[in-house]
């Protein structure tokens, strides 16, 4: 075997070794991306708030609605709730610590509903986690990419623009002292 043949054999071996290394590098990159994606999903599951509401009793006309709320997930740094029962709409903002035990809250009466609801229902539940992302808690915990546009569209759809404001969600300035704001 001559020097030329040895050089060709060594060249072929180095090409095969290089291709094998490239293959393993791509596999390692895929595994790292999968691990990163799984870690991000676990983080989302850990910090995502999961409020669970239970209606306590039907409200009297013009009175607040009493509901029980517990948080089964991460901290609810800020949240917005709109509920309907009969011909009445109720709304408020709330915050909950992570894994919060059930507690009763009052949803203030906002105005008369434009559409009657036979059963108490939630029309809007949104929450912000500690990382600053907003979640639509009624629609399969989807991430809200633009909270201001999302809340404006939902309030317009429910015919509540101007009647209810959620400054934490919409980014609008908080009211001046002494100014009354519904939905708080």
Protein backbone atom coordinates (compact mmCIF):
# COMPACT_ATOMS: atom_id res chain seq x y z
CA UNK A 1 0.00 0.00 0.00
CA UNK A 2 1.48 3.26 -1.11
CA UNK A 3 1.45 6.68 0.47
CA UNK A 4 -1.24 7.85 -1.95
CA UNK A 5 -3.60 5.02 -1.07
CA UNK A 6 -2.98 5.60 2.65
CA UNK A 7 -3.81 9.30 2.21
CA UNK A 8 -7.07 8.39 0.41
CA UNK A 9 -8.07 5.88 3.12
CA UNK A 10 -7.26 8.37 5.90
CA UNK A 11 -9.21 11.09 4.04
CA UNK A 12 -12.25 8.79 3.70
CA UNK A 13 -12.07 7.87 7.39
CA UNK A 14 -11.88 11.53 8.37
CA UNK A 15 -14.91 12.37 6.16
CA UNK A 16 -16.95 9.54 7.72
CA UNK A 17 -15.85 10.63 11.22
CA UNK A 18 -16.78 14.26 10.41
CA UNK A 19 -20.22 13.25 9.12
CA UNK A 20 -20.81 11.12 12.21
CA UNK A 21 -19.81 14.04 14.45
CA UNK A 22 -22.17 16.33 12.52
CA UNK A 23 -25.01 13.83 12.92
CA UNK A 24 -24.45 13.62 16.68
CA UNK A 25 -24.19 17.43 16.91
CA UNK A 26 -27.60 17.81 15.22
CA UNK A 27 -29.10 15.20 17.55
CA UNK A 28 -27.63 16.96 20.58
CA UNK A 29 -28.99 20.30 19.34
CA UNK A 30 -32.45 18.76 18.91
CA UNK A 31 -32.32 17.27 22.41
CA UNK A 32 -31.23 20.62 23.87
CA UNK A 33 -34.05 22.44 22.09
CA UNK A 34 -36.55 19.86 23.35
CA UNK A 35 -35.24 20.19 26.90
CA UNK A 36 -35.44 23.99 26.67
CA UNK A 37 -39.01 23.79 25.36
CA UNK A 38 -39.99 21.36 28.14
CA UNK A 39 -38.37 23.61 30.77
CA UNK A 40 -40.30 26.61 29.40
CA UNK A 41 -43.55 24.61 29.55
CA UNK A 42 -42.85 23.57 33.14
CA UNK A 43 -42.08 27.19 34.04
CA UNK A 44 -45.35 28.33 32.45
CA UNK A 45 -47.24 25.64 34.34
CA UNK A 46 -45.60 26.76 37.58
CA UNK A 47 -46.16 30.54 37.26
CA UNK A 48 -49.44 30.53 35.31
CA UNK A 49 -52.34 31.52 37.56
CA UNK A 50 -55.33 29.17 37.51
CA UNK A 51 -58.17 30.88 39.35
CA UNK A 52 -61.18 28.72 40.12
CA UNK A 53 -64.47 30.51 40.84
CA UNK A 54 -67.60 29.18 42.53
CA UNK A 55 -70.85 31.11 42.75
CA UNK A 56 -72.09 31.25 46.35
CA UNK A 57 -75.60 32.69 46.09
CA UNK A 58 -77.63 34.71 43.61
CA UNK A 59 -77.34 38.44 44.28
CA UNK A 60 -80.21 40.72 45.09
CA UNK A 61 -80.98 43.50 42.63
CA UNK A 62 -78.22 46.10 42.67
CA UNK A 63 -76.15 44.17 45.24
CA UNK A 64 -72.70 42.66 44.72
CA UNK A 65 -72.38 39.01 43.72
CA UNK A 66 -70.57 36.79 46.20
CA UNK A 67 -68.17 34.26 44.72
CA UNK A 68 -65.53 31.99 46.14
CA UNK A 69 -62.17 32.07 44.41
CA UNK A 70 -59.08 29.94 44.84
CA UNK A 71 -55.88 29.92 42.86
CA UNK A 72 -54.68 26.48 41.86
CA UNK A 73 -51.57 27.80 40.10
CA UNK A 74 -48.96 30.52 40.36
CA UNK A 75 -49.37 34.05 41.69
CA UNK A 76 -52.13 36.11 40.08
CA UNK A 77 -50.30 39.45 40.10
CA UNK A 78 -53.31 41.20 38.56
CA UNK A 79 -56.59 39.96 37.19
CA UNK A 80 -59.87 41.08 35.66
CA UNK A 81 -63.25 39.41 36.13
CA UNK A 82 -66.63 40.12 34.50
CA UNK A 83 -69.63 37.98 35.45
CA UNK A 84 -73.29 38.00 34.47
CA UNK A 85 -76.36 36.76 36.28
CA UNK A 86 -79.93 37.49 35.32
CA UNK A 87 -80.02 41.01 33.95
CA UNK A 88 -76.98 42.22 35.88
CA UNK A 89 -73.26 42.52 35.16
CA UNK A 90 -70.57 42.40 37.84
CA UNK A 91 -66.88 43.23 37.48
CA UNK A 92 -63.73 43.71 39.51
CA UNK A 93 -59.96 43.42 39.53
CA UNK A 94 -58.23 41.01 41.87
CA UNK A 95 -54.87 39.62 42.95
CA UNK A 96 -54.18 36.21 44.46
CA UNK A 97 -51.07 34.57 45.89
CA UNK A 98 -49.94 31.24 44.47
CA UNK A 99 -51.82 28.17 45.65
CA UNK A 100 -54.29 30.43 47.49
CA UNK A 101 -56.95 28.65 49.53
CA UNK A 102 -60.60 29.45 48.74
CA UNK A 103 -61.79 32.87 49.87
CA UNK A 104 -64.96 34.80 49.31
CA UNK A 105 -64.98 38.02 47.36
CA UNK A 106 -67.70 40.39 46.25
CA UNK A 107 -68.05 41.30 42.59
CA UNK A 108 -69.60 44.78 42.52
CA UNK A 109 -72.69 45.40 40.42
CA UNK A 110 -71.72 47.40 37.35
CA UNK A 111 -74.83 47.85 35.23
CA UNK A 112 -77.82 46.15 33.72
CA UNK A 113 -76.89 43.51 31.17
CA UNK A 114 -77.89 43.88 27.56
CA UNK A 115 -78.58 40.14 27.42
CA UNK A 116 -80.11 38.12 30.25
CA UNK A 117 -78.20 35.12 31.65
CA UNK A 118 -80.25 32.32 33.25
CA UNK A 119 -77.25 30.83 35.02
CA UNK A 120 -74.41 32.79 36.60
CA UNK A 121 -71.57 32.88 34.08
CA UNK A 122 -68.18 34.46 33.70
CA UNK A 123 -67.81 36.53 30.57
CA UNK A 124 -64.18 37.50 31.09
CA UNK A 125 -61.42 36.19 33.36
CA UNK A 126 -57.86 37.29 32.63
CA UNK A 127 -54.78 37.20 34.80
CA UNK A 128 -51.15 38.33 34.79
CA UNK A 129 -48.47 36.04 36.18
CA UNK A 130 -45.27 37.08 37.97
CA UNK A 131 -43.31 37.07 34.70
CA UNK A 132 -45.65 39.73 33.26
CA UNK A 133 -47.54 37.59 30.75
CA UNK A 134 -51.31 37.83 30.53
CA UNK A 135 -53.50 34.71 30.28
CA UNK A 136 -57.09 34.29 29.07
CA UNK A 137 -58.37 32.03 31.85
CA UNK A 138 -61.64 31.19 30.08
CA UNK A 139 -60.18 30.19 26.72
CA UNK A 140 -57.91 27.30 27.63
CA UNK A 141 -55.32 29.48 29.37
CA UNK A 142 -54.10 31.07 26.14
CA UNK A 143 -51.45 33.76 26.30
CA UNK A 144 -52.77 37.27 25.59
CA UNK A 145 -50.18 38.89 23.33
CA UNK A 146 -51.58 42.45 23.39
CA UNK A 147 -53.61 42.93 26.61
CA UNK A 148 -54.78 46.45 25.76
CA UNK A 149 -56.21 45.45 22.39
CA UNK A 150 -57.63 42.20 23.85
CA UNK A 151 -59.49 43.95 26.70
CA UNK A 152 -60.77 46.70 24.40
CA UNK A 153 -62.15 44.11 21.95
CA UNK A 154 -63.79 42.07 24.73
CA UNK A 155 -65.32 45.10 26.46
CA UNK A 156 -66.62 46.33 23.10
CA UNK A 157 -68.09 42.89 22.38
CA UNK A 158 -69.80 42.88 25.80
CA UNK A 159 -70.90 46.52 25.32
CA UNK A 160 -69.02 47.60 28.45
CA UNK A 161 -66.63 50.19 27.01
CA UNK A 162 -66.65 53.20 29.29
CA UNK A 163 -68.63 51.39 31.99
CA UNK A 164 -65.78 49.20 33.26
CA UNK A 165 -62.05 49.81 33.30
CA UNK A 166 -59.21 47.50 34.19
CA UNK A 167 -56.10 49.71 34.38
CA UNK A 168 -53.78 46.81 35.21
CA UNK A 169 -54.87 44.98 32.05
CA UNK A 170 -55.38 47.86 29.65
CA UNK A 171 -52.43 49.95 30.79
CA UNK A 172 -54.65 52.99 31.20
CA UNK A 173 -53.70 55.37 34.01
CA UNK A 174 -55.32 54.83 37.37
CA UNK A 175 -58.09 57.27 38.31
CA UNK A 176 -57.31 60.51 40.13
CA UNK A 177 -57.99 60.49 43.84
CA UNK A 178 -61.67 60.83 44.60
CA UNK A 179 -62.70 59.60 41.14
CA UNK A 180 -64.95 56.56 41.18
CA UNK A 181 -64.15 53.75 38.77
CA UNK A 182 -66.43 50.77 38.29
CA UNK A 183 -64.99 47.32 38.09
CA UNK A 184 -62.64 47.73 41.03
